[in-house]
Amino acid sequence: MTTIFYVDMTAKTVEPFDCPSLPDGTHVMDFQPQIECTFLEGEYGLISGVATLLFGLYGFGIPLTLLLVLWNAKRKNLMADISFTSRYGWLCFYKFF
């Protein structure tokens, strides 16, 4: 399930930073036009802070966790273990000979 939703969820975490310019020169959030994009001020400051935190946790956390799982499995020689491959086999293209 992680790989199915990863791209969409990561895109959602950066959505608050999509601030198109209006004809009068102000920038507003694309999905919430009533909120003006002002750096670290008001409601947008809170939203952008939470979005940055979530992007860091999810956008970098998921790949880093999977990298550590695979690195640990290789270090402990778990790649040939049937319980490991049944759980994490979708992460690697390891061939059994």
N, C-alpha and C. Protein backbone atom coordinates (compact mmCIF):
# COMPACT_ATOMS: atom_id res chain seq x y z
N MET A 1 0.82 -1.20 0.00
CA MET A 1 0.00 0.00 0.00
C MET A 1 0.86 1.27 0.00
N THR A 2 2.03 1.18 0.59
CA THR A 2 2.90 2.33 0.66
C THR A 2 3.26 2.85 -0.72
N THR A 3 3.60 1.95 -1.63
CA THR A 3 4.00 2.39 -2.96
C THR A 3 2.83 2.93 -3.78
N ILE A 4 1.64 2.46 -3.50
CA ILE A 4 0.47 2.93 -4.25
C ILE A 4 0.17 4.39 -3.93
N PHE A 5 0.23 4.74 -2.68
CA PHE A 5 -0.16 6.08 -2.25
C PHE A 5 1.01 7.03 -2.05
N TYR A 6 2.25 6.56 -2.18
CA TYR A 6 3.40 7.40 -1.87
C TYR A 6 3.44 8.68 -2.70
N VAL A 7 3.34 8.55 -4.01
CA VAL A 7 3.45 9.73 -4.88
C VAL A 7 2.30 10.70 -4.62
N ASP A 8 1.08 10.19 -4.50
CA ASP A 8 -0.07 11.07 -4.27
C ASP A 8 0.03 11.76 -2.91
N MET A 9 0.39 11.03 -1.88
CA MET A 9 0.50 11.64 -0.55
C MET A 9 1.64 12.66 -0.49
N THR A 10 2.75 12.36 -1.15
CA THR A 10 3.85 13.31 -1.17
C THR A 10 3.45 14.57 -1.94
N ALA A 11 2.72 14.40 -3.03
CA ALA A 11 2.23 15.57 -3.79
C ALA A 11 1.28 16.40 -2.94
N LYS A 12 0.45 15.75 -2.14
CA LYS A 12 -0.49 16.48 -1.28
C LYS A 12 0.24 17.30 -0.22
N THR A 13 1.39 16.81 0.25
CA THR A 13 2.11 17.56 1.29
C THR A 13 2.74 18.84 0.75
N VAL A 14 3.01 18.90 -0.56
CA VAL A 14 3.58 20.13 -1.13
C VAL A 14 2.53 21.00 -1.80
N GLU A 15 1.30 20.58 -1.80
CA GLU A 15 0.21 21.34 -2.42
C GLU A 15 0.05 22.75 -1.83
N PRO A 16 0.23 22.96 -0.54
CA PRO A 16 0.09 24.33 -0.01
C PRO A 16 1.10 25.33 -0.59
N PHE A 17 2.16 24.85 -1.19
CA PHE A 17 3.16 25.76 -1.75
C PHE A 17 2.84 26.17 -3.18
N ASP A 18 1.75 25.67 -3.73
CA ASP A 18 1.30 26.06 -5.07
C ASP A 18 0.47 27.32 -4.92
N CYS A 19 1.10 28.45 -5.13
CA CYS A 19 0.45 29.75 -4.92
C CYS A 19 0.51 30.58 -6.20
N PRO A 20 -0.51 30.46 -7.06
CA PRO A 20 -0.52 31.27 -8.28
C PRO A 20 -0.73 32.75 -7.97
N SER A 21 -0.26 33.57 -8.87
CA SER A 21 -0.39 35.02 -8.72
C SER A 21 -1.72 35.49 -9.32
N LEU A 22 -2.37 36.37 -8.60
CA LEU A 22 -3.60 37.00 -9.09
C LEU A 22 -3.25 38.26 -9.89
N PRO A 23 -4.21 38.78 -10.67
CA PRO A 23 -3.92 40.00 -11.45
C PRO A 23 -3.46 41.19 -10.60
N ASP A 24 -3.89 41.25 -9.34
CA ASP A 24 -3.47 42.38 -8.49
C ASP A 24 -2.10 42.15 -7.85
N GLY A 25 -1.44 41.03 -8.15
CA GLY A 25 -0.09 40.79 -7.66
C GLY A 25 0.00 39.94 -6.39
N THR A 26 -1.14 39.66 -5.78
CA THR A 26 -1.11 38.82 -4.58
C THR A 26 -1.04 37.35 -4.98
N HIS A 27 -0.54 36.57 -4.07
CA HIS A 27 -0.46 35.12 -4.28
C HIS A 27 -1.40 34.44 -3.30
N VAL A 28 -2.21 33.52 -3.81
CA VAL A 28 -3.15 32.79 -2.97
C VAL A 28 -2.94 31.29 -3.19
N MET A 29 -3.37 30.52 -2.20
CA MET A 29 -3.26 29.07 -2.32
C MET A 29 -4.21 28.60 -3.42
N ASP A 30 -3.74 27.66 -4.23
CA ASP A 30 -4.54 27.18 -5.36
C ASP A 30 -5.80 26.45 -4.89
N PHE A 31 -5.68 25.62 -3.84
CA PHE A 31 -6.85 24.85 -3.41
C PHE A 31 -7.65 25.56 -2.32
N GLN A 32 -7.16 26.67 -1.79
CA GLN A 32 -7.88 27.50 -0.82
C GLN A 32 -7.67 28.97 -1.19
N PRO A 33 -8.37 29.46 -2.20
CA PRO A 33 -8.11 30.83 -2.70
C PRO A 33 -8.34 31.94 -1.68
N GLN A 34 -9.05 31.67 -0.61
CA GLN A 34 -9.26 32.71 0.39
C GLN A 34 -8.05 32.91 1.29
N ILE A 35 -7.05 32.02 1.21
CA ILE A 35 -5.85 32.14 2.05
C ILE A 35 -4.72 32.71 1.20
N GLU A 36 -4.21 33.86 1.62
CA GLU A 36 -3.11 34.50 0.91
C GLU A 36 -1.79 33.88 1.34
N CYS A 37 -0.93 33.66 0.36
CA CYS A 37 0.38 33.06 0.63
C CYS A 37 1.34 34.13 1.13
N THR A 38 1.44 34.25 2.43
CA THR A 38 2.37 35.18 3.07
C THR A 38 3.34 34.35 3.88
N PHE A 39 4.60 34.50 3.62
CA PHE A 39 5.62 33.65 4.22
C PHE A 39 5.60 33.76 5.74
N LEU A 40 5.33 32.65 6.40
CA LEU A 40 5.35 32.51 7.86
C LEU A 40 4.45 33.51 8.59
N GLU A 41 3.34 33.86 7.98
CA GLU A 41 2.41 34.77 8.63
C GLU A 41 1.01 34.18 8.62
N GLY A 42 0.30 34.36 9.70
CA GLY A 42 -1.11 33.98 9.80
C GLY A 42 -1.39 32.51 9.55
N GLU A 43 -2.54 32.29 8.95
CA GLU A 43 -3.00 30.92 8.70
C GLU A 43 -2.08 30.19 7.73
N TYR A 44 -1.57 30.90 6.71
CA TYR A 44 -0.68 30.26 5.74
C TYR A 44 0.63 29.82 6.41
N GLY A 45 1.11 30.57 7.36
CA GLY A 45 2.32 30.18 8.07
C GLY A 45 2.16 28.85 8.79
N LEU A 46 1.01 28.65 9.41
CA LEU A 46 0.73 27.38 10.08
C LEU A 46 0.60 26.24 9.08
N ILE A 47 -0.13 26.49 8.01
CA ILE A 47 -0.33 25.45 6.99
C ILE A 47 0.99 25.08 6.34
N SER A 48 1.80 26.07 5.98
CA SER A 48 3.07 25.77 5.33
C SER A 48 4.05 25.09 6.28
N GLY A 49 3.99 25.43 7.56
CA GLY A 49 4.84 24.76 8.55
C GLY A 49 4.48 23.29 8.71
N VAL A 50 3.19 23.00 8.80
CA VAL A 50 2.72 21.62 8.91
C VAL A 50 3.04 20.85 7.63
N ALA A 51 2.85 21.49 6.47
CA ALA A 51 3.15 20.83 5.20
C ALA A 51 4.64 20.50 5.08
N THR A 52 5.50 21.39 5.53
CA THR A 52 6.94 21.14 5.51
C THR A 52 7.29 19.96 6.41
N LEU A 53 6.72 19.94 7.60
CA LEU A 53 6.97 18.84 8.53
C LEU A 53 6.49 17.51 7.95
N LEU A 54 5.29 17.49 7.39
CA LEU A 54 4.76 16.25 6.83
C LEU A 54 5.55 15.80 5.60
N PHE A 55 6.00 16.74 4.78
CA PHE A 55 6.82 16.37 3.63
C PHE A 55 8.13 15.75 4.10
N GLY A 56 8.72 16.31 5.13
CA GLY A 56 9.96 15.74 5.66
C GLY A 56 9.75 14.35 6.23
N LEU A 57 8.69 14.20 7.00
CA LEU A 57 8.42 12.89 7.61
C LEU A 57 8.03 11.85 6.58
N TYR A 58 7.14 12.20 5.68
CA TYR A 58 6.63 11.21 4.73
C TYR A 58 7.48 11.15 3.47
N GLY A 59 7.81 12.30 2.91
CA GLY A 59 8.55 12.33 1.66
C GLY A 59 9.95 11.75 1.77
N PHE A 60 10.61 11.99 2.89
CA PHE A 60 11.94 11.43 3.11
C PHE A 60 11.93 10.23 4.05
N GLY A 61 10.97 10.18 4.94
CA GLY A 61 10.92 9.12 5.94
C GLY A 61 10.63 7.74 5.37
N ILE A 62 9.68 7.63 4.47
CA ILE A 62 9.33 6.34 3.87
C ILE A 62 10.50 5.76 3.07
N PRO A 63 11.10 6.51 2.14
CA PRO A 63 12.25 5.93 1.42
C PRO A 63 13.43 5.60 2.33
N LEU A 64 13.68 6.45 3.31
CA LEU A 64 14.78 6.18 4.23
C LEU A 64 14.53 4.92 5.06
N THR A 65 13.31 4.74 5.52
CA THR A 65 12.96 3.54 6.28
C THR A 65 13.11 2.28 5.43
N LEU A 66 12.64 2.34 4.20
CA LEU A 66 12.77 1.17 3.31
C LEU A 66 14.23 0.89 2.97
N LEU A 67 15.02 1.94 2.80
CA LEU A 67 16.44 1.77 2.56
C LEU A 67 17.11 1.08 3.76
N LEU A 68 16.77 1.52 4.96
CA LEU A 68 17.35 0.91 6.16
C LEU A 68 16.91 -0.54 6.33
N VAL A 69 15.67 -0.85 5.99
CA VAL A 69 15.19 -2.24 6.07
C VAL A 69 15.99 -3.12 5.13
N LEU A 70 16.17 -2.67 3.89
CA LEU A 70 16.93 -3.47 2.92
C LEU A 70 18.40 -3.56 3.28
N TRP A 71 18.97 -2.47 3.76
CA TRP A 71 20.38 -2.48 4.16
C TRP A 71 20.60 -3.44 5.33
N ASN A 72 19.71 -3.41 6.30
CA ASN A 72 19.80 -4.30 7.46
C ASN A 72 19.62 -5.76 7.04
N ALA A 73 18.71 -6.01 6.10
CA ALA A 73 18.48 -7.38 5.62
C ALA A 73 19.70 -7.91 4.89
N LYS A 74 20.33 -7.05 4.10
CA LYS A 74 21.54 -7.50 3.39
C LYS A 74 22.67 -7.76 4.38
N ARG A 75 22.80 -6.89 5.36
CA ARG A 75 23.86 -7.03 6.37
C ARG A 75 23.68 -8.30 7.19
N LYS A 76 22.43 -8.64 7.51
CA LYS A 76 22.14 -9.84 8.31
C LYS A 76 21.88 -11.07 7.46
N ASN A 77 22.05 -10.92 6.14
CA ASN A 77 21.88 -12.02 5.20
C ASN A 77 20.45 -12.59 5.24
N LEU A 78 19.48 -11.71 5.27
CA LEU A 78 18.08 -12.12 5.33
C LEU A 78 17.40 -12.17 3.96
N MET A 79 18.12 -11.81 2.91
CA MET A 79 17.51 -11.76 1.58
C MET A 79 16.98 -13.11 1.11
N ALA A 80 17.56 -14.20 1.59
CA ALA A 80 17.11 -15.53 1.18
C ALA A 80 16.08 -16.11 2.15
N ASP A 81 15.81 -15.41 3.23
CA ASP A 81 14.83 -15.88 4.21
C ASP A 81 13.42 -15.72 3.65
N ILE A 82 12.66 -16.78 3.68
CA ILE A 82 11.32 -16.77 3.06
C ILE A 82 10.37 -15.80 3.75
N SER A 83 10.47 -15.64 5.06
CA SER A 83 9.58 -14.70 5.74
C SER A 83 9.92 -13.26 5.37
N PHE A 84 11.21 -12.96 5.18
CA PHE A 84 11.59 -11.61 4.77
C PHE A 84 11.13 -11.33 3.34
N THR A 85 11.38 -12.27 2.43
CA THR A 85 11.00 -12.05 1.04
C THR A 85 9.48 -12.01 0.84
N SER A 86 8.74 -12.73 1.66
CA SER A 86 7.28 -12.66 1.53
C SER A 86 6.76 -11.31 2.02
N ARG A 87 7.47 -10.69 2.95
CA ARG A 87 7.04 -9.40 3.47
C ARG A 87 7.60 -8.23 2.66
N TYR A 88 8.88 -8.30 2.28
CA TYR A 88 9.55 -7.19 1.61
C TYR A 88 10.03 -7.51 0.21
N GLY A 89 9.61 -8.62 -0.37
CA GLY A 89 10.09 -9.02 -1.68
C GLY A 89 9.77 -8.03 -2.78
N TRP A 90 8.71 -7.27 -2.63
CA TRP A 90 8.32 -6.28 -3.62
C TRP A 90 9.29 -5.10 -3.69
N LEU A 91 10.20 -5.00 -2.70
CA LEU A 91 11.15 -3.88 -2.68
C LEU A 91 12.40 -4.11 -3.52
N CYS A 92 12.72 -5.34 -3.77
CA CYS A 92 13.99 -5.61 -4.46
C CYS A 92 13.80 -6.62 -5.57
N PHE A 93 14.75 -6.65 -6.45
CA PHE A 93 14.72 -7.57 -7.57
C PHE A 93 15.79 -8.64 -7.35
N TYR A 94 15.73 -9.29 -6.25
CA TYR A 94 16.71 -10.29 -5.87
C TYR A 94 16.34 -11.62 -6.51
N LYS A 95 17.27 -12.21 -7.25
CA LYS A 95 16.99 -13.48 -7.90
C LYS A 95 17.60 -14.63 -7.08
N PHE A 96 16.84 -15.66 -6.95
CA PHE A 96 17.32 -16.85 -6.25
C PHE A 96 17.81 -17.87 -7.28
N PHE A 97 19.05 -18.31 -7.12
CA PHE A 97 19.62 -19.32 -8.04
C PHE A 97 19.86 -20.60 -7.30
